[in-house]
Amino acid sequence: MTQVNDVDDLDGGGFDFDDWDRLKPFTGRVAMLDDVHAKTAIFALGDTERPYPLDLELPQPAIWWDEDGEKPVVIVQAEAHTNSDDEEMEVYGLILPDGDGAVALSEDVDLVDASDATWRQLVQDYIDPSAADD
């Protein structure tokens, strides 16, 4: 089972490129459904084996490649899970600039530095879509 949290309740909403590092990560252990209900984690996965938290410094700016293209995100949760085919998956809990939460596999996410010009422009365009048209 995958549960995705409404991030607005985690810390008051989204971020911009000047305050992304205030987002509170979920670290130290694998999230449980109670953590999602308590709004301290983005997701909890069931039906996987040998889960463990990834050693990733969080929060972490990143670019998420979803079906609509690239989106600026901040990773606030990182876990490894083994599926029923014995394949290990690295799973990230993401926050978008508007405060929405998402879950993505690591292969769909590029880690970046907060000074990365592409990430900063994506954040700006996400916050103010009309600026992208100029």
Protein backbone atom coordinates (compact mmCIF):
# COMPACT_ATOMS: atom_id res chain seq x y z
CA MET A 1 0.00 0.00 0.00
CA THR A 2 1.24 3.47 -0.83
CA GLN A 3 -0.02 6.41 1.14
CA VAL A 4 0.83 9.94 0.02
CA ASN A 5 0.53 12.73 2.53
CA ASP A 6 -0.97 16.18 2.00
CA VAL A 7 2.19 18.18 2.57
CA ASP A 8 0.41 21.41 3.48
CA ASP A 9 0.03 20.01 6.99
CA LEU A 10 3.68 18.95 7.28
CA ASP A 11 5.16 22.41 7.61
CA GLY A 12 2.75 24.97 6.26
CA GLY A 13 3.13 24.52 2.53
CA GLY A 14 5.56 24.67 -0.30
CA PHE A 15 8.86 26.39 -0.89
CA ASP A 16 10.81 28.74 -3.09
CA PHE A 17 14.51 28.78 -3.85
CA ASP A 18 15.25 30.91 -0.78
CA ASP A 19 13.48 28.81 1.89
CA TRP A 20 13.51 25.18 0.69
CA ASP A 21 15.91 24.13 3.45
CA ARG A 22 13.30 24.78 6.17
CA LEU A 23 11.35 21.70 5.03
CA LYS A 24 11.43 18.99 7.68
CA PRO A 25 12.73 15.63 6.45
CA PHE A 26 11.63 12.21 7.64
CA THR A 27 14.86 10.35 8.49
CA GLY A 28 16.30 7.63 10.68
CA ARG A 29 13.83 4.86 9.97
CA VAL A 30 11.32 3.56 7.45
CA ALA A 31 7.99 5.38 7.59
CA MET A 32 4.89 3.59 8.80
CA LEU A 33 1.27 4.41 8.02
CA ASP A 34 1.01 6.10 11.43
CA ASP A 35 3.77 8.52 10.34
CA VAL A 36 1.78 9.46 7.25
CA HIS A 37 -1.37 9.93 9.33
CA ALA A 38 0.63 12.08 11.77
CA LYS A 39 1.79 14.10 8.74
CA THR A 40 5.48 13.58 9.47
CA ALA A 41 6.15 11.40 6.37
CA ILE A 42 5.09 11.67 2.73
CA PHE A 43 4.58 7.95 2.11
CA ALA A 44 4.55 4.52 3.67
CA LEU A 45 5.02 1.41 1.55
CA GLY A 46 3.62 -1.97 2.44
CA ASP A 47 4.15 -5.33 0.77
CA THR A 48 7.91 -4.83 0.35
CA GLU A 49 10.83 -6.62 1.90
CA ARG A 50 13.99 -5.47 3.68
CA PRO A 51 13.14 -1.75 3.75
CA TYR A 52 15.67 0.70 5.14
CA PRO A 53 16.19 4.47 5.14
CA LEU A 54 18.70 5.73 2.58
CA ASP A 55 21.75 7.66 3.71
CA LEU A 56 20.94 10.89 1.89
CA GLU A 57 21.32 14.37 3.33
CA LEU A 58 17.79 15.74 3.52
CA PRO A 59 16.14 18.01 2.56
CA GLN A 60 17.68 17.75 -0.91
CA PRO A 61 16.82 19.88 -3.97
CA ALA A 62 16.13 17.82 -7.07
CA ILE A 63 14.52 17.79 -10.49
CA TRP A 64 11.76 15.20 -10.91
CA TRP A 65 11.03 13.90 -14.37
CA ASP A 66 7.36 12.92 -14.49
CA GLU A 67 5.00 12.37 -17.44
CA ASP A 68 4.53 16.16 -17.82
CA GLY A 69 8.25 16.96 -17.96
CA GLU A 70 10.69 18.26 -15.37
CA LYS A 71 9.53 19.69 -12.05
CA PRO A 72 11.48 21.28 -9.22
CA VAL A 73 11.17 19.36 -5.95
CA VAL A 74 12.76 18.92 -2.57
CA ILE A 75 13.34 15.36 -1.36
CA VAL A 76 12.27 15.00 2.28
CA GLN A 77 12.11 11.20 2.58
CA ALA A 78 14.36 8.52 1.06
CA GLU A 79 13.96 4.77 1.49
CA ALA A 80 15.03 1.53 -0.19
CA HIS A 81 12.50 -1.28 -0.61
CA THR A 82 12.76 -4.69 -2.26
CA ASN A 83 9.79 -5.69 -4.41
CA SER A 84 8.31 -9.16 -4.97
CA ASP A 85 10.75 -9.74 -7.88
CA ASP A 86 13.66 -9.22 -5.44
CA GLU A 87 14.56 -5.89 -7.10
CA GLU A 88 15.63 -3.05 -4.84
CA MET A 89 13.93 0.29 -5.44
CA GLU A 90 15.04 3.64 -4.08
CA VAL A 91 11.91 5.66 -3.33
CA TYR A 92 11.77 9.39 -2.59
CA GLY A 93 9.12 11.49 -0.90
CA LEU A 94 8.99 14.83 -2.68
CA ILE A 95 7.55 18.27 -2.01
CA LEU A 96 6.71 20.57 -4.90
CA PRO A 97 6.85 24.38 -4.66
CA ASP A 98 3.07 24.60 -4.15
CA GLY A 99 3.22 22.22 -1.18
CA ASP A 100 1.88 19.13 -2.95
CA GLY A 101 3.57 15.84 -2.13
CA ALA A 102 4.62 13.12 -4.55
CA VAL A 103 6.45 9.81 -4.55
CA ALA A 104 9.06 8.92 -7.19
CA LEU A 105 11.67 6.30 -7.90
CA SER A 106 15.28 7.49 -7.83
CA GLU A 107 15.75 6.89 -11.57
CA ASP A 108 13.15 9.63 -12.22
CA VAL A 109 14.94 12.21 -10.07
CA ASP A 110 18.17 14.18 -10.58
CA LEU A 111 19.81 15.48 -7.39
CA VAL A 112 20.99 19.08 -7.74
CA ASP A 113 22.49 21.84 -5.64
CA ALA A 114 20.21 24.71 -4.61
CA SER A 115 22.37 27.04 -6.70
CA ASP A 116 21.66 25.01 -9.87
CA ALA A 117 20.38 27.50 -12.46
CA THR A 118 17.93 25.03 -14.04
CA TRP A 119 16.38 24.10 -10.68
CA ARG A 120 16.08 27.76 -9.67
CA GLN A 121 14.41 28.64 -12.98
CA LEU A 122 12.02 25.69 -12.66
CA VAL A 123 11.08 26.86 -9.15
CA GLN A 124 10.46 30.40 -10.40
CA ASP A 125 8.39 29.17 -13.36
CA TYR A 126 6.38 26.85 -11.08
CA ILE A 127 5.62 29.67 -8.64
CA ASP A 128 4.87 32.22 -11.39
CA PRO A 129 3.86 30.38 -14.59
CA SER A 130 3.40 33.68 -16.45
CA ALA A 131 7.13 34.36 -16.06
CA ALA A 132 7.88 31.27 -18.17
CA ASP A 133 5.92 32.82 -21.07
CA ASP A 134 7.95 36.04 -21.09
